Amino acid sequence: MNNSGQQNKDEISLKELILKLGDWLSYFFSKWKIILVGLALGAILGYVYASTQKPVYTAELTFALEDKQAPSLGAAFGIAGQLGFDFGSPGQGMFAGDNLLELMQSKSMIKKTLLTQVDVKGKQQALADLYIDFKELREEWEDPVLQKIGFTDVSKLSFKQDSLLNRFYRAILTENLSVERKDRKLSIIVARVNSESELFSKYFAEVLVRTVADFYVDTRTKRETENVAILQHQTDSVRRRLNAAISGSATSADANPNPNPALQILRVPAQSRQVDVQTNTAILSELVKNLEAARVALRRETPLVQVIDMPELPLEVSKMSVFKGAVVGGLLGTFFVLVLLIVRATFKKISSWRKTRYGIEGTFRGRTKPLATGTDGL
């Protein structure tokens, strides 16, 4: 008995739901003129937005980073990567894991990239100036100093130039630049630059990767490079001393071509020069071997940053078509009008219900006067 009652209650609820949906549809049909106006206005606004929207150019640069893994730990790190753990690449130190991605998005690298000179229509121009031009920032600035500011010849940044670069850095990091790994288990990195300037997107992606790669290589090989420079300096110094000793020995021999055997003192300068020659020869031989070994170590430790795909003109363009803008705008306008109609109808229904229930018609000296048709005995 209870089950049949519950089933009957469910059927009544479903019936009421269908009736309410029918009432809403009838209400919307009665307001078709308002809905049509909302659709038309939304379509017009969407069309105008799509037609005035500037195209966005996307430059994508893919490069591979050398991944040196310790032989004893390579298998362990591979298993950990399959289980979802990212410990980076052993052997890369400060550039392990996602550190390189953070480096590419760092303030120093982006500011250095913005100050790099590129060829724009046959004229050398800093990327910061190109950014100002396509953003049309000079038209927005009221300060005369900012309107004439430039970054083409910068030996030392002024306060305003540094402030602008910091502002550009935050905007580029938020709106234009994205850096990610193509796969968590690979060392392939993708740098994407989106902007309203085709040249800026292309140049910024290329210069940023080159700047980070140079910094990466210099940092990884700093110790080996210093060792090669020190050994090269020592080798050059000993070679100069050896040449001086050989020249001095020849000079002493020429000064006394036939020395008197009874006077041994005459042999001292030539013998001393000969000792210097032999000593410096031995030292130079060791230094040359050490220098070559250091150069081999430098080549072995120099990491490989190999560019796979470079951005090529013309770049990929993304822009909303006017048809799509009109359709999306029309749908949004219709949805907005429907929401307003629902809110208006609901509010009128609540106001009518309150008047019927409480009999509110007016007040007289601060006291409510009930309606004669009120319910619940009010």
Protein backbone atom coordinates (compact mmCIF):
# COMPACT_ATOMS: atom_id res chain seq x y z
CA MET A 1 0.00 0.00 0.00
CA ASN A 2 2.82 2.36 0.91
CA ASN A 3 4.65 1.47 -2.30
CA SER A 4 1.67 2.34 -4.46
CA GLY A 5 1.27 5.65 -2.61
CA GLN A 6 4.91 6.51 -3.10
CA GLN A 7 4.63 5.60 -6.79
CA ASN A 8 1.56 7.79 -7.14
CA LYS A 9 3.43 10.66 -5.45
CA ASP A 10 6.33 10.27 -7.87
CA GLU A 11 3.97 10.28 -10.84
CA ILE A 12 2.33 13.47 -9.59
CA SER A 13 5.73 15.11 -9.13
CA LEU A 14 6.75 14.19 -12.68
CA LYS A 15 3.46 15.50 -14.00
CA GLU A 16 3.91 18.76 -12.15
CA LEU A 17 7.41 19.08 -13.51
CA ILE A 18 6.18 18.64 -17.09
CA LEU A 19 3.42 21.18 -16.51
CA LYS A 20 5.87 23.69 -15.09
CA LEU A 21 8.18 23.24 -18.07
CA GLY A 22 5.21 23.80 -20.34
CA ASP A 23 4.32 26.96 -18.44
CA TRP A 24 7.86 28.27 -18.80
CA LEU A 25 7.91 27.50 -22.52
CA SER A 26 4.60 29.28 -22.97
CA TYR A 27 5.95 32.23 -21.02
CA PHE A 28 9.08 32.38 -23.19
CA PHE A 29 7.00 32.16 -26.38
CA SER A 30 4.92 35.08 -25.15
CA LYS A 31 8.12 37.10 -24.81
CA TRP A 32 9.56 36.13 -28.20
CA LYS A 33 10.04 39.74 -29.24
CA ILE A 34 12.28 40.49 -26.23
CA ILE A 35 14.23 37.25 -26.79
CA LEU A 36 14.67 38.11 -30.47
CA VAL A 37 15.99 41.56 -29.56
CA GLY A 38 18.51 40.00 -27.15
CA LEU A 39 19.63 37.52 -29.81
CA ALA A 40 20.07 40.29 -32.38
CA LEU A 41 21.98 42.57 -30.02
CA GLY A 42 24.24 39.69 -28.95
CA ALA A 43 24.92 38.72 -32.57
CA ILE A 44 25.77 42.31 -33.48
CA LEU A 45 28.11 42.70 -30.51
CA GLY A 46 29.77 39.34 -31.31
CA TYR A 47 30.22 40.35 -34.95
CA VAL A 48 31.78 43.69 -33.98
CA TYR A 49 34.09 42.02 -31.44
CA ALA A 50 35.28 39.40 -33.94
CA SER A 51 35.83 41.96 -36.71
CA THR A 52 37.85 44.31 -34.49
CA GLN A 53 39.86 41.59 -32.74
CA LYS A 54 43.54 41.58 -33.69
CA PRO A 55 45.05 38.28 -34.90
CA VAL A 56 47.33 36.40 -32.49
CA TYR A 57 50.50 34.83 -33.91
CA THR A 58 51.97 31.75 -32.25
CA ALA A 59 55.68 30.90 -32.50
CA GLU A 60 56.66 27.44 -31.28
CA LEU A 61 60.26 26.38 -30.79
CA THR A 62 61.18 22.84 -29.78
CA PHE A 63 64.63 21.88 -28.56
CA ALA A 64 66.26 18.89 -26.88
CA LEU A 65 68.45 19.13 -23.83
CA GLU A 66 71.28 16.69 -23.24
CA ASP A 67 70.32 14.35 -20.41
CA LYS A 68 73.33 12.81 -18.69
CA GLN A 69 72.26 10.10 -16.29
CA ALA A 70 74.49 8.23 -13.93
CA PRO A 71 74.78 4.62 -15.19
CA SER A 72 74.10 3.11 -11.78
CA LEU A 73 70.99 5.20 -11.21
CA GLY A 74 69.57 5.34 -14.72
CA ALA A 75 67.37 2.26 -14.32
CA ALA A 76 66.13 3.36 -10.91
CA PHE A 77 65.19 6.80 -12.18
CA GLY A 78 63.47 5.23 -15.19
CA ILE A 79 61.31 3.04 -12.96
CA ALA A 80 60.50 6.01 -10.72
CA GLY A 81 59.43 8.00 -13.78
CA GLN A 82 57.07 5.22 -14.85
CA LEU A 83 55.50 5.29 -11.39
CA GLY A 84 54.80 9.01 -11.71
CA PHE A 85 57.70 10.40 -9.68
CA ASP A 86 59.82 13.18 -11.19
CA PHE A 87 63.32 13.39 -9.70
CA GLY A 88 64.77 15.21 -12.69
CA SER A 89 67.90 14.01 -14.40
CA PRO A 90 70.85 13.06 -12.21
CA GLY A 91 73.95 14.77 -13.46
CA GLN A 92 72.35 18.08 -14.43
CA GLY A 93 72.57 19.65 -10.99
CA MET A 94 70.81 22.98 -10.79
CA PHE A 95 69.13 22.33 -14.16
CA ALA A 96 67.57 19.02 -13.16
CA GLY A 97 63.82 18.45 -13.32
CA ASP A 98 61.78 21.58 -13.98
CA ASN A 99 64.55 23.99 -12.99
CA LEU A 100 65.33 24.73 -16.63
CA LEU A 101 61.68 25.59 -17.27
CA GLU A 102 61.78 28.05 -14.38
CA LEU A 103 65.03 29.47 -15.72
CA MET A 104 63.41 30.18 -19.09
CA GLN A 105 60.64 32.08 -17.29
CA SER A 106 62.97 33.96 -14.94
CA LYS A 107 63.13 37.74 -14.84
CA SER A 108 66.82 37.93 -15.75
CA MET A 109 66.45 35.78 -18.87
CA ILE A 110 63.35 37.59 -20.14
CA LYS A 111 64.83 41.04 -19.50
CA LYS A 112 68.05 40.05 -21.24
CA THR A 113 65.99 38.78 -24.16
CA LEU A 114 64.04 42.06 -24.35
CA LEU A 115 67.30 44.03 -24.55
CA THR A 116 68.61 41.93 -27.47
CA GLN A 117 68.86 43.68 -30.83
CA VAL A 118 67.06 42.10 -33.80
CA ASP A 119 66.68 43.04 -37.46
CA VAL A 120 63.27 44.63 -38.06
CA LYS A 121 62.80 45.66 -41.69
CA GLY A 122 66.51 46.30 -42.15
CA LYS A 123 66.88 48.26 -38.91
CA GLN A 124 68.37 47.08 -35.63
CA GLN A 125 65.78 47.33 -32.86
CA ALA A 126 65.54 45.98 -29.32
CA LEU A 127 62.76 43.52 -28.65
CA ALA A 128 61.56 45.83 -25.87
CA ASP A 129 61.02 48.61 -28.46
CA LEU A 130 59.22 46.17 -30.75
CA TYR A 131 56.99 45.19 -27.81
CA ILE A 132 56.17 48.86 -27.14
CA ASP A 133 55.33 49.44 -30.82
CA PHE A 134 52.88 46.60 -31.38
CA LYS A 135 51.25 47.19 -27.98
CA GLU A 136 50.93 50.90 -28.91
CA LEU A 137 52.02 51.84 -25.40
CA ARG A 138 53.44 55.24 -26.34
CA GLU A 139 49.94 56.39 -27.28
CA GLU A 140 48.72 55.40 -23.80
CA TRP A 141 51.53 57.06 -21.86
CA GLU A 142 51.02 60.67 -20.87
CA ASP A 143 54.55 61.15 -19.55
CA PRO A 144 56.68 62.87 -22.27
CA VAL A 145 59.77 61.02 -21.04
CA LEU A 146 58.10 57.64 -21.53
CA GLN A 147 56.87 58.60 -24.98
CA LYS A 148 60.48 59.10 -26.11
CA ILE A 149 62.04 56.22 -24.17
CA GLY A 150 63.95 53.54 -26.08
CA PHE A 151 66.13 50.49 -25.53
CA THR A 152 68.25 50.43 -28.69
CA ASP A 153 71.42 51.88 -27.15
CA VAL A 154 71.46 50.89 -23.49
CA SER A 155 74.75 50.79 -21.64
CA LYS A 156 73.18 51.33 -18.23
CA LEU A 157 69.47 51.11 -17.50
CA SER A 158 67.75 54.12 -16.00
CA PHE A 159 65.13 53.80 -13.28
CA LYS A 160 62.23 54.18 -15.73
CA GLN A 161 63.74 51.74 -18.21
CA ASP A 162 64.21 49.11 -15.50
CA SER A 163 60.66 49.71 -14.25
CA LEU A 164 59.28 49.25 -17.75
CA LEU A 165 61.23 46.02 -18.23
CA ASN A 166 59.82 44.67 -14.98
CA ARG A 167 56.33 45.58 -16.17
CA PHE A 168 56.94 43.92 -19.55
CA TYR A 169 58.29 40.81 -17.80
CA ARG A 170 55.11 40.35 -15.77
CA ALA A 171 52.88 40.92 -18.80
CA ILE A 172 54.83 38.55 -21.06
CA LEU A 173 54.91 35.84 -18.40
CA THR A 174 51.13 36.11 -17.97
CA GLU A 175 49.93 36.71 -21.52
CA ASN A 176 52.55 35.68 -24.07
CA LEU A 177 54.97 32.98 -22.90
CA SER A 178 54.47 29.32 -22.06
CA VAL A 179 57.22 26.73 -21.53
CA GLU A 180 56.62 23.03 -20.98
CA ARG A 181 58.10 19.61 -21.49
CA LYS A 182 56.69 17.63 -24.40
CA ASP A 183 56.69 14.57 -22.16
CA ARG A 184 57.64 14.15 -18.52
CA LYS A 185 59.99 11.29 -19.42
CA LEU A 186 61.73 13.18 -22.25
CA SER A 187 64.19 16.06 -22.32
CA ILE A 188 62.37 17.84 -25.15
CA ILE A 189 61.13 21.31 -24.23
CA VAL A 190 58.59 23.42 -26.12
CA ALA A 191 58.60 27.22 -25.87
CA ARG A 192 55.50 29.04 -27.21
CA VAL A 193 55.14 32.77 -27.68
CA ASN A 194 51.74 34.28 -28.51
CA SER A 195 51.44 37.93 -29.46
CA GLU A 196 49.77 40.32 -31.88
CA SER A 197 53.10 40.85 -33.68
CA GLU A 198 54.38 38.08 -35.93
CA LEU A 199 57.99 39.28 -35.76
CA PHE A 200 57.94 39.65 -31.98
CA SER A 201 56.62 36.11 -31.49
CA LYS A 202 59.29 34.63 -33.76
CA TYR A 203 62.24 36.67 -32.51
CA PHE A 204 61.36 36.42 -28.84
CA ALA A 205 61.11 32.61 -28.96
CA GLU A 206 64.44 32.29 -30.80
CA VAL A 207 66.37 34.80 -28.69
CA LEU A 208 65.01 33.47 -25.40
CA VAL A 209 66.06 29.90 -26.17
CA ARG A 210 69.48 31.06 -27.38
CA THR A 211 69.99 33.21 -24.27
CA VAL A 212 69.01 30.40 -21.91
CA ALA A 213 71.13 27.88 -23.84
CA ASP A 214 74.22 30.13 -23.62
CA PHE A 215 73.67 30.65 -19.90
CA TYR A 216 73.15 26.91 -19.42
CA VAL A 217 76.32 25.96 -21.30
CA ASP A 218 78.42 28.65 -19.60
CA THR A 219 77.24 27.56 -16.16
CA ARG A 220 77.75 23.86 -16.78
CA THR A 221 81.29 24.39 -18.17
CA LYS A 222 82.42 27.26 -15.95
CA ARG A 223 84.96 25.22 -13.95
CA GLU A 224 86.41 23.48 -17.00
CA THR A 225 86.61 26.76 -18.90
CA GLU A 226 88.52 28.40 -16.04
CA ASN A 227 90.93 25.44 -15.91
CA VAL A 228 91.61 25.71 -19.66
CA ALA A 229 92.16 29.48 -19.36
CA ILE A 230 94.63 29.04 -16.46
CA LEU A 231 96.57 26.27 -18.23
CA GLN A 232 96.63 28.30 -21.44
CA HIS A 233 98.06 31.31 -19.57
CA GLN A 234 100.72 29.16 -17.89
CA THR A 235 101.64 27.49 -21.18
CA ASP A 236 102.04 30.82 -22.94
CA SER A 237 104.16 32.16 -20.07
CA VAL A 238 106.51 29.13 -20.05
CA ARG A 239 106.76 29.22 -23.85
CA ARG A 240 107.88 32.86 -23.69
CA ARG A 241 110.48 32.00 -21.07
CA LEU A 242 111.69 29.05 -23.18
CA ASN A 243 112.05 31.25 -26.23
CA ALA A 244 113.97 33.79 -24.15
CA ALA A 245 116.26 31.04 -22.80
CA ILE A 246 116.96 29.68 -26.30
CA SER A 247 117.70 33.19 -27.53
CA GLY A 248 120.00 33.83 -24.56
CA SER A 249 121.86 30.56 -25.10
CA ALA A 250 122.45 31.44 -28.73
CA THR A 251 123.63 34.92 -27.76
CA SER A 252 126.13 33.51 -25.22
CA ALA A 253 127.48 31.06 -27.79
CA ASP A 254 127.90 33.82 -30.34
CA ALA A 255 129.69 36.04 -27.80
CA ASN A 256 132.32 33.36 -27.07
CA PRO A 257 132.66 31.18 -30.18
CA ASN A 258 136.01 29.71 -29.06
CA PRO A 259 136.24 30.03 -25.27
CA ASN A 260 139.58 29.41 -23.58
CA PRO A 261 139.39 25.94 -21.93
CA ALA A 262 141.45 27.24 -19.04
CA LEU A 263 138.81 29.86 -18.22
CA GLN A 264 135.71 27.87 -17.10
CA ILE A 265 133.93 31.05 -16.06
CA LEU A 266 133.33 31.81 -19.73
CA ARG A 267 131.19 28.64 -20.02
CA VAL A 268 128.79 29.61 -17.19
CA PRO A 269 126.40 31.88 -19.18
CA ALA A 270 125.95 29.35 -21.98
CA GLN A 271 125.47 26.43 -19.56
CA SER A 272 123.00 28.44 -17.45
CA ARG A 273 120.97 29.29 -20.54
CA GLN A 274 121.04 25.64 -21.57
CA VAL A 275 119.70 24.57 -18.17
CA ASP A 276 116.88 27.11 -18.53
CA VAL A 277 116.08 25.70 -21.95
CA GLN A 278 115.92 22.13 -20.68
CA THR A 279 113.86 23.07 -17.61
CA ASN A 280 111.34 25.16 -19.52
CA THR A 281 111.11 22.46 -22.20
CA ALA A 282 110.15 19.86 -19.60
CA ILE A 283 107.64 22.21 -17.93
CA LEU A 284 106.14 23.19 -21.28
CA SER A 285 105.76 19.55 -22.27
CA GLU A 286 103.74 18.79 -19.12
CA LEU A 287 101.65 21.92 -19.45
CA VAL A 288 100.78 21.11 -23.06
CA LYS A 289 99.64 17.62 -22.07
CA ASN A 290 97.55 19.02 -19.20
CA LEU A 291 96.08 21.70 -21.49
CA GLU A 292 94.99 19.13 -24.05
CA ALA A 293 93.49 16.98 -21.30
CA ALA A 294 91.58 20.00 -19.97
CA ARG A 295 90.28 20.79 -23.46
CA VAL A 296 89.06 17.23 -23.86
CA ALA A 297 87.31 17.45 -20.48
CA LEU A 298 85.72 20.75 -21.54
CA ARG A 299 84.38 19.24 -24.75
CA ARG A 300 83.10 16.24 -22.82
CA GLU A 301 81.32 18.38 -20.22
CA THR A 302 79.87 20.85 -22.72
CA PRO A 303 76.14 20.03 -22.86
CA LEU A 304 74.24 19.75 -26.09
CA VAL A 305 71.26 22.01 -26.69
CA GLN A 306 69.85 20.90 -30.04
CA VAL A 307 67.07 22.89 -31.67
CA ILE A 308 64.56 20.55 -33.32
CA ASP A 309 61.90 22.87 -34.76
CA MET A 310 62.31 26.58 -35.39
CA PRO A 311 59.40 28.99 -35.92
CA GLU A 312 59.05 29.87 -39.59
CA LEU A 313 57.16 32.71 -41.24
CA PRO A 314 54.26 32.90 -41.75
CA LEU A 315 53.34 31.87 -38.24
CA GLU A 316 50.15 30.16 -37.17
CA VAL A 317 47.35 32.71 -36.77
CA SER A 318 44.40 32.40 -34.42
CA LYS A 319 41.47 34.76 -34.80
CA MET A 320 37.74 34.33 -34.25
CA SER A 321 35.75 34.49 -37.49
CA VAL A 322 32.93 37.03 -37.76
CA PHE A 323 30.41 34.21 -38.27
CA LYS A 324 31.53 32.44 -35.11
CA GLY A 325 31.53 35.74 -33.22
CA ALA A 326 27.95 36.46 -34.32
CA VAL A 327 26.77 32.96 -33.36
CA VAL A 328 28.47 32.99 -29.95
CA GLY A 329 27.27 36.56 -29.30
CA GLY A 330 23.70 35.64 -30.27
CA LEU A 331 23.69 32.63 -27.97
CA LEU A 332 25.07 34.65 -25.09
CA GLY A 333 22.56 37.44 -25.69
CA THR A 334 19.68 34.95 -25.75
CA PHE A 335 20.90 33.27 -22.59
CA PHE A 336 21.22 36.61 -20.81
CA VAL A 337 17.66 37.64 -21.79
CA LEU A 338 16.27 34.27 -20.67
CA VAL A 339 17.96 34.63 -17.29
CA LEU A 340 16.50 38.12 -16.87
CA LEU A 341 13.02 36.87 -17.80
CA ILE A 342 13.26 34.00 -15.31
CA VAL A 343 14.43 36.34 -12.54
CA ARG A 344 11.65 38.84 -13.36
CA ALA A 345 8.92 36.17 -13.43
CA THR A 346 10.19 34.58 -10.21
CA PHE A 347 10.31 37.94 -8.45
CA LYS A 348 6.73 38.78 -9.55
CA LYS A 349 5.53 35.38 -8.37
CA ILE A 350 7.15 35.83 -4.95
CA SER A 351 5.66 39.33 -4.61
CA SER A 352 2.19 38.03 -5.54
CA TRP A 353 2.51 35.12 -3.08
CA ARG A 354 3.52 37.44 -0.25
CA LYS A 355 0.56 39.75 -0.90
CA THR A 356 -1.84 36.80 -0.98
CA ARG A 357 -0.47 35.23 2.19
CA TYR A 358 0.00 38.25 4.39
CA GLY A 359 -2.65 40.53 2.89
CA ILE A 360 -0.34 43.48 2.59
CA GLU A 361 -2.22 46.36 0.97
CA GLY A 362 -0.98 49.46 2.73
CA THR A 363 -0.11 50.88 6.11
CA PHE A 364 -1.93 53.35 8.32
CA ARG A 365 -0.09 54.90 11.22
CA GLY A 366 2.53 52.18 11.04
CA ARG A 367 -0.03 49.30 11.22
CA THR A 368 -0.67 46.84 8.42
CA LYS A 369 -4.17 46.75 6.93
CA PRO A 370 -5.12 43.16 5.87
CA LEU A 371 -6.82 42.44 2.57
CA ALA A 372 -10.36 41.14 2.68
CA THR A 373 -9.34 38.19 0.52
CA GLY A 374 -6.43 37.12 2.72
CA THR A 375 -6.05 33.45 3.65
CA ASP A 376 -5.18 31.59 6.83
CA GLY A 377 -7.54 33.74 8.82
CA LEU A 378 -5.45 36.93 8.38
